[in-house]
Every structure is written in C-alpha cells, then in structure tokens.
N, C-alpha and C. Protein backbone atom coordinates (compact mmCIF):
# COMPACT_ATOMS: atom_id res chain seq x y z
N MET A 1 14.04 -12.44 0.14
CA MET A 1 13.88 -11.64 -0.85
C MET A 1 12.49 -10.71 -1.34
N CYS A 2 11.93 -11.91 -1.32
CA CYS A 2 10.46 -11.55 -1.67
C CYS A 2 9.78 -10.56 -0.69
N GLY A 3 10.05 -10.72 0.78
CA GLY A 3 9.65 -9.75 1.73
C GLY A 3 10.18 -8.14 1.36
N LEU A 4 11.46 -8.50 1.01
CA LEU A 4 12.03 -7.05 0.66
C LEU A 4 11.61 -5.96 -0.73
N VAL A 5 11.17 -6.87 -1.66
CA VAL A 5 10.65 -6.61 -2.49
C VAL A 5 8.89 -6.24 -2.58
N LEU A 6 8.41 -6.49 -1.20
CA LEU A 6 7.28 -6.00 -0.91
C LEU A 6 7.44 -4.91 -0.12
N GLU A 7 8.16 -4.94 0.53
CA GLU A 7 8.62 -3.79 1.41
C GLU A 7 8.93 -2.47 0.92
N ILE A 8 9.79 -2.67 -0.40
CA ILE A 8 10.42 -1.36 -1.30
C ILE A 8 8.89 -1.14 -2.16
N SER A 9 8.05 -2.13 -2.57
CA SER A 9 6.96 -1.67 -3.40
C SER A 9 5.57 -0.80 -2.43
N MET A 10 5.90 -1.26 -1.21
CA MET A 10 4.75 -0.67 -0.13
C MET A 10 5.46 0.68 0.18
N LEU A 11 6.70 0.95 0.41
CA LEU A 11 7.52 1.93 0.55
C LEU A 11 7.25 2.98 -0.69
N VAL A 12 7.11 2.80 -1.97
CA VAL A 12 7.04 3.71 -2.92
C VAL A 12 5.38 3.77 -3.09
N MET A 13 4.68 3.24 -2.90
CA MET A 13 3.43 3.39 -2.97
C MET A 13 2.99 4.37 -1.64
N GLY A 14 3.43 4.10 -0.39
CA GLY A 14 3.29 5.02 0.48
C GLY A 14 3.74 6.42 0.01
N LEU A 15 4.84 6.73 -0.21
CA LEU A 15 5.65 7.89 -0.67
C LEU A 15 4.72 8.78 -1.90
N ILE A 16 4.43 7.67 -2.53
CA ILE A 16 3.23 8.63 -3.80
C ILE A 16 2.05 8.74 -2.81
N GLY A 17 1.37 8.18 -2.25
CA GLY A 17 0.22 8.83 -1.32
C GLY A 17 0.63 9.64 -0.14
N VAL A 18 1.96 9.91 0.19
CA VAL A 18 2.39 10.92 1.05
C VAL A 18 2.78 12.42 0.33
N ILE A 19 2.99 12.16 -0.89
CA ILE A 19 3.74 13.43 -1.47
C ILE A 19 2.52 13.91 -2.26
N THR A 20 1.95 13.15 -3.00
CA THR A 20 0.98 13.40 -3.84
C THR A 20 -0.44 13.96 -3.38
N GLY A 21 -0.50 13.22 -2.03
CA GLY A 21 -2.32 13.19 -1.44
C GLY A 21 -3.15 12.61 -2.15
N LYS A 22 -2.83 11.53 -2.96
CA LYS A 22 -3.74 10.69 -3.65
C LYS A 22 -3.15 9.67 -3.73
N LEU A 23 -4.01 8.72 -3.79
CA LEU A 23 -3.81 7.04 -3.31
C LEU A 23 -4.72 6.33 -4.03
N THR A 24 -4.39 5.56 -5.01
CA THR A 24 -5.81 4.44 -5.54
C THR A 24 -5.67 3.73 -5.05
N ILE A 25 -6.58 2.93 -4.80
CA ILE A 25 -7.06 1.50 -3.81
C ILE A 25 -7.29 0.36 -5.10
N ALA A 26 -8.50 0.88 -5.87
CA ALA A 26 -8.79 0.07 -6.84
C ALA A 26 -8.74 0.79 -7.88
N LYS A 27 -9.41 -0.06 -9.44
CA LYS A 27 -9.39 0.57 -10.58
C LYS A 27 -10.58 1.94 -10.25
N ASN A 28 -11.61 1.91 -9.67
CA ASN A 28 -12.69 2.59 -9.41
C ASN A 28 -12.61 3.45 -7.76
N THR A 29 -11.65 3.50 -7.47
CA THR A 29 -11.57 4.13 -5.91
C THR A 29 -10.49 4.62 -5.62
N ARG A 30 -10.28 6.09 -4.99
CA ARG A 30 -9.42 6.54 -4.80
C ARG A 30 -10.04 7.23 -3.43
N VAL A 31 -8.30 7.84 -2.74
CA VAL A 31 -8.31 8.26 -2.00
C VAL A 31 -7.70 9.56 -1.60
N GLU A 32 -8.23 10.82 -1.29
CA GLU A 32 -7.40 11.90 -1.34
C GLU A 32 -7.37 12.49 -0.10
N GLY A 33 -6.40 13.36 -0.24
CA GLY A 33 -6.07 14.45 1.07
C GLY A 33 -5.56 13.89 2.60
N THR A 34 -5.75 14.27 3.42
CA THR A 34 -5.10 13.49 4.67
C THR A 34 -5.54 12.00 4.85
N PRO A 35 -6.58 11.31 4.36
CA PRO A 35 -6.58 10.03 4.47
C PRO A 35 -5.39 9.26 3.66
N ALA A 36 -5.00 10.03 2.76
CA ALA A 36 -4.28 8.87 1.75
C ALA A 36 -2.99 9.30 2.36
N ARG A 37 -2.61 10.60 3.01
CA ARG A 37 -1.41 10.58 3.74
C ARG A 37 -1.26 9.93 4.48
N ILE A 38 -2.32 9.28 5.40
CA ILE A 38 -2.06 8.92 6.43
C ILE A 38 -2.07 7.25 6.10
N ALA A 39 -2.74 6.68 5.27
CA ALA A 39 -2.64 5.62 4.55
C ALA A 39 -1.30 4.94 4.24
N GLY A 40 -0.20 6.19 3.39
CA GLY A 40 0.77 6.47 2.86
C GLY A 40 1.85 6.19 3.86
N VAL A 41 1.57 6.49 4.80
CA VAL A 41 2.47 6.46 6.36
C VAL A 41 2.56 5.41 6.48
N ILE A 42 1.19 4.88 6.89
CA ILE A 42 1.01 2.97 7.08
C ILE A 42 1.90 2.39 6.38
N LEU A 43 1.65 2.57 4.79
CA LEU A 43 2.33 1.68 3.98
C LEU A 43 4.02 1.90 4.07
N MET A 44 4.20 2.74 4.47
CA MET A 44 6.13 2.98 4.42
C MET A 44 6.33 2.07 5.73
N LEU A 45 5.61 2.17 6.82
CA LEU A 45 5.91 1.12 7.88
C LEU A 45 6.83 0.23 7.79
N PRO A 46 6.44 -0.79 7.15
CA PRO A 46 7.33 -2.19 7.28
C PRO A 46 8.53 -2.05 6.90
N LEU A 47 9.24 -1.37 6.35
CA LEU A 47 10.66 -1.33 6.05
C LEU A 47 11.57 -0.89 7.11
N PRO A 48 11.53 0.43 7.79
CA PRO A 48 11.95 0.70 8.72
C PRO A 48 11.98 -0.06 9.82
N THR A 49 10.69 -0.59 10.21
CA THR A 49 10.47 -1.55 11.47
C THR A 49 10.95 -2.69 11.34
N ALA A 50 10.93 -3.43 9.85
CA ALA A 50 11.43 -4.65 9.78
C ALA A 50 13.08 -4.57 10.00
N LEU A 51 13.49 -3.51 9.53
CA LEU A 51 15.50 -3.33 9.70
C LEU A 51 15.56 -3.28 11.36
N PHE A 52 14.45 -2.22 12.11
CA PHE A 52 14.84 -2.15 13.49
C PHE A 52 14.59 -3.17 14.41
N LEU A 53 13.59 -4.32 13.76
CA LEU A 53 13.27 -5.47 14.65
C LEU A 53 14.51 -6.59 13.92
N GLY A 54 14.99 -6.34 13.25
CA GLY A 54 16.03 -7.44 12.65
C GLY A 54 17.45 -6.97 13.68
N PHE A 55 17.30 -5.68 13.48
CA PHE A 55 18.62 -5.28 14.54
C PHE A 55 18.61 -5.80 15.70
N MET A 56 17.55 -5.57 16.62
CA MET A 56 17.02 -6.20 17.76
C MET A 56 17.41 -7.54 17.94
N LEU A 57 16.72 -8.12 17.32
CA LEU A 57 16.62 -9.87 16.88
C LEU A 57 18.04 -10.24 17.05
N GLY A 58 18.91 -9.67 16.18
CA GLY A 58 20.56 -10.25 16.37
C GLY A 58 21.13 -9.46 17.25
N LEU A 59 20.77 -8.48 17.82
CA LEU A 59 21.54 -8.07 19.23
C LEU A 59 21.17 -8.91 20.41
N LEU A 60 19.83 -9.52 20.61
CA LEU A 60 19.38 -9.76 21.54
C LEU A 60 19.70 -11.55 21.46
N LEU A 61 18.99 -12.01 20.63
CA LEU A 61 19.15 -13.93 20.16
C LEU A 61 20.66 -14.11 19.49
N GLY A 62 21.42 -13.02 18.89
CA GLY A 62 22.51 -13.51 17.94
C GLY A 62 23.49 -14.47 18.80
N ASN A 63 24.02 -14.58 19.79
CA ASN A 63 24.70 -15.71 20.40
C ASN A 63 24.14 -16.84 20.88
N SER A 64 22.91 -16.58 21.45
CA SER A 64 21.79 -17.76 22.28
C SER A 64 21.32 -18.79 21.26
N MET A 65 21.25 -18.44 19.97
CA MET A 65 20.59 -19.08 19.20
C MET A 65 20.99 -19.74 17.61
N PRO A 66 20.82 -20.87 17.08
CA PRO A 66 21.25 -21.09 16.10
C PRO A 66 20.86 -20.09 14.80
N LEU A 67 22.12 -19.98 13.87
CA LEU A 67 21.44 -18.99 12.90
C LEU A 67 20.05 -19.15 12.13
N GLU A 68 19.70 -20.49 11.91
CA GLU A 68 18.58 -20.89 11.04
C GLU A 68 17.61 -20.72 12.23
N THR A 69 17.46 -20.78 13.32
CA THR A 69 16.01 -20.32 13.98
C THR A 69 15.88 -18.99 13.99
N ILE A 70 17.06 -17.99 13.80
CA ILE A 70 16.96 -16.57 13.57
C ILE A 70 16.61 -16.51 12.71
N GLN A 71 16.79 -16.89 11.80
CA GLN A 71 16.16 -16.26 10.26
C GLN A 71 14.93 -16.89 10.19
N ILE A 72 14.38 -17.78 10.83
CA ILE A 72 12.91 -18.53 10.43
C ILE A 72 12.44 -17.54 11.54
N ILE A 73 12.32 -16.82 12.65
CA ILE A 73 12.08 -16.15 13.44
C ILE A 73 11.64 -14.60 12.57
N ALA A 74 13.22 -14.33 12.28
CA ALA A 74 13.11 -12.94 11.32
C ALA A 74 11.94 -13.03 10.03
N THR A 75 11.90 -13.99 9.28
CA THR A 75 11.08 -14.49 8.24
C THR A 75 9.12 -14.13 8.50
N VAL A 76 9.10 -14.85 9.75
CA VAL A 76 7.94 -14.53 10.24
C VAL A 76 7.54 -13.07 10.53
N LEU A 77 8.02 -12.80 11.35
CA LEU A 77 7.92 -11.27 11.86
C LEU A 77 8.08 -10.47 10.50
N GLU A 78 8.84 -10.67 9.38
CA GLU A 78 8.79 -9.60 8.22
C GLU A 78 7.67 -9.69 7.77
N PHE A 79 6.84 -11.14 7.24
CA PHE A 79 5.84 -11.20 6.65
C PHE A 79 4.76 -10.75 7.30
N GLY A 80 4.81 -11.28 8.78
CA GLY A 80 3.53 -10.67 9.61
C GLY A 80 3.18 -8.83 9.75
N LEU A 81 4.43 -8.30 9.75
CA LEU A 81 4.45 -7.26 9.66
C LEU A 81 4.02 -6.54 8.33
N ILE A 82 4.52 -7.04 7.21
CA ILE A 82 3.89 -6.62 5.97
C ILE A 82 2.39 -6.82 5.98
N ILE A 83 2.02 -8.21 6.11
CA ILE A 83 0.30 -8.38 6.10
C ILE A 83 -0.52 -7.32 6.82
N VAL A 84 0.03 -7.44 8.35
CA VAL A 84 -0.85 -6.24 8.89
C VAL A 84 -0.55 -4.74 8.94
N CYS A 85 0.51 -4.31 8.25
CA CYS A 85 0.62 -2.78 7.64
C CYS A 85 -0.46 -2.86 6.34
N LEU A 86 -0.19 -3.66 5.50
CA LEU A 86 -0.86 -3.76 4.29
C LEU A 86 -2.60 -4.02 4.60
N VAL A 87 -2.89 -4.71 5.50
CA VAL A 87 -4.31 -4.93 5.47
C VAL A 87 -4.87 -3.44 6.32
N VAL A 88 -4.32 -3.15 7.39
CA VAL A 88 -4.55 -1.86 8.35
C VAL A 88 -4.45 -0.43 7.10
N ALA A 89 -3.50 -0.51 6.18
CA ALA A 89 -3.81 0.87 5.13
C ALA A 89 -4.94 0.24 4.64
N LEU A 90 -4.84 -0.47 3.58
CA LEU A 90 -6.40 -0.21 3.38
C LEU A 90 -7.27 -0.58 3.72
N MET A 91 -7.55 -1.01 5.01
CA MET A 91 -8.87 -1.29 5.60
C MET A 91 -9.11 0.61 5.67
N TYR A 92 -8.48 1.03 6.28
CA TYR A 92 -8.22 2.84 6.64
C TYR A 92 -8.52 3.28 5.37
N ALA A 93 -8.08 3.19 4.15
CA ALA A 93 -8.06 3.83 3.29
C ALA A 93 -9.55 3.27 2.31
N ASN A 94 -10.14 2.08 2.46
CA ASN A 94 -11.50 1.81 2.09
C ASN A 94 -12.61 2.62 2.78
N SER A 95 -12.31 2.97 4.10
CA SER A 95 -13.22 3.52 4.93
C SER A 95 -13.08 5.11 4.49
N LYS A 96 -12.55 5.37 3.79
CA LYS A 96 -12.42 7.04 3.81
C LYS A 96 -12.49 7.10 1.66
N LYS A 97 -12.65 6.36 1.22
CA LYS A 97 -12.76 6.47 0.06
C LYS A 97 -13.38 7.21 -0.90
N ILE A 98 -13.27 7.43 -2.08
CA ILE A 98 -13.89 8.21 -2.77
C ILE A 98 -14.08 7.24 -4.21
N THR A 99 -15.43 6.61 -4.61
CA THR A 99 -15.35 6.17 -5.68
C THR A 99 -15.73 6.84 -6.84
N VAL A 100 -14.84 6.79 -7.91
CA VAL A 100 -14.73 7.52 -8.96
C VAL A 100 -15.58 7.01 -10.34
N THR A 101 -16.60 7.80 -10.71
CA THR A 101 -17.15 7.00 -11.93
C THR A 101 -16.58 7.35 -13.45
N PRO A 102 -16.54 6.25 -14.02
CA PRO A 102 -15.77 6.39 -15.46
C PRO A 102 -16.37 7.41 -16.33
N PRO A 103 -16.04 8.14 -17.12
CA PRO A 103 -16.89 8.80 -17.85
C PRO A 103 -17.72 7.76 -19.03
N ALA A 104 -18.55 9.16 -19.26
CA ALA A 104 -19.87 8.22 -20.09
C ALA A 104 -19.60 8.14 -21.30
N ALA A 105 -19.78 6.99 -22.03
CA ALA A 105 -19.22 6.88 -23.35
C ALA A 105 -20.14 7.83 -24.26
N PRO A 106 -19.58 8.19 -25.28
CA PRO A 106 -20.16 8.75 -26.46
C PRO A 106 -21.46 7.77 -26.94
N PRO A 107 -22.20 8.56 -27.34
CA PRO A 107 -23.19 8.24 -28.17
C PRO A 107 -23.05 7.26 -29.13
N GLN A 108 -23.66 6.31 -29.66
CA GLN A 108 -23.37 5.26 -30.90
C GLN A 108 -23.61 6.20 -32.13
N GLU A 109 -24.83 6.54 -31.96
CA GLU A 109 -25.64 6.99 -33.41
C GLU A 109 -25.02 8.46 -33.21
N PRO A 110 -24.76 9.27 -34.35
CA PRO A 110 -24.90 10.46 -34.75
C PRO A 110 -25.94 11.16 -34.32
N PRO A 111 -25.59 12.21 -33.99
CA PRO A 111 -26.93 13.40 -33.28
C PRO A 111 -27.90 13.73 -34.55
N ALA A 112 -28.94 13.87 -34.33
CA ALA A 112 -30.08 14.21 -35.19
C ALA A 112 -30.01 15.30 -36.17
N VAL A 113 -29.87 15.32 -37.17
CA VAL A 113 -29.81 16.89 -37.94
C VAL A 113 -31.35 17.20 -38.53
N PRO A 114 -32.00 18.38 -38.00
CA PRO A 114 -33.13 18.81 -38.72
C PRO A 114 -32.62 18.74 -40.45
N PRO A 115 -34.26 18.56 -41.16
CA PRO A 115 -34.27 18.77 -42.36
C PRO A 115 -34.04 19.98 -42.95
N VAL A 116 -33.24 20.16 -44.14
CA VAL A 116 -33.21 21.37 -44.54
C VAL A 116 -34.39 21.87 -45.44
N GLN A 117 -34.54 22.88 -45.47
CA GLN A 117 -35.74 23.40 -46.23
C GLN A 117 -35.40 24.25 -47.44
C-alpha cells in the first residue's frame, strides 16, 4: 500500500513537471523547460512499469510458486523501481538546476529624510 502511495505521488509530481515545465526540487532549487519535462517523465514511470511487471510476474510465475513468494518478489521489485526512478530523476534534475535566490529583505530602518529648511 505504501508503494502505491509513493507511485501515485510521484505520478502527480511528474504530471506537474510535464504539464507546467517547472519542477521544484528543493526550497531554493528549481528546474524549468525541457529538463523539467524529462524529469517529470522519469517520475511518472514507476506506476505503469510496476503494473506491467506485476502482470508479467503473475503470468509467468502464477502457478509455479506459492503466493507469498510472488508477493515478496513483487514488493521488492516495486520498491526497487520506485527508488531507481526517484534517484535518476533527482540526479538529472539536480544536474540541470536553477538556483532561485529569495528576495532581499526590506531595510530595517526608515529611509533618511533630508532636514526641512
């Protein structure tokens, strides 16, 4: 269940990156344009790939192995896929990042007013 939540959240982040072309990695780090779309596609890969791998696992090993063994294999494959896609997307986005500087804080003292004559 936790894997599905991670996959859906990565899918949503990937869709945001693909549609808007902007992907925020950290507080002051952002990726824009084509690199954001590529990282978004990489983030969207785990859900359809896990569905395909689960289907193939059930098709190939469904009758020859006990159910508990198949579930363990599927869980390991799913979390491995999530980790690999997340690491690859973050490494790619980090290599193409744009560092955003926060706006300067306003001065603490009021501006100097020349004396009136």
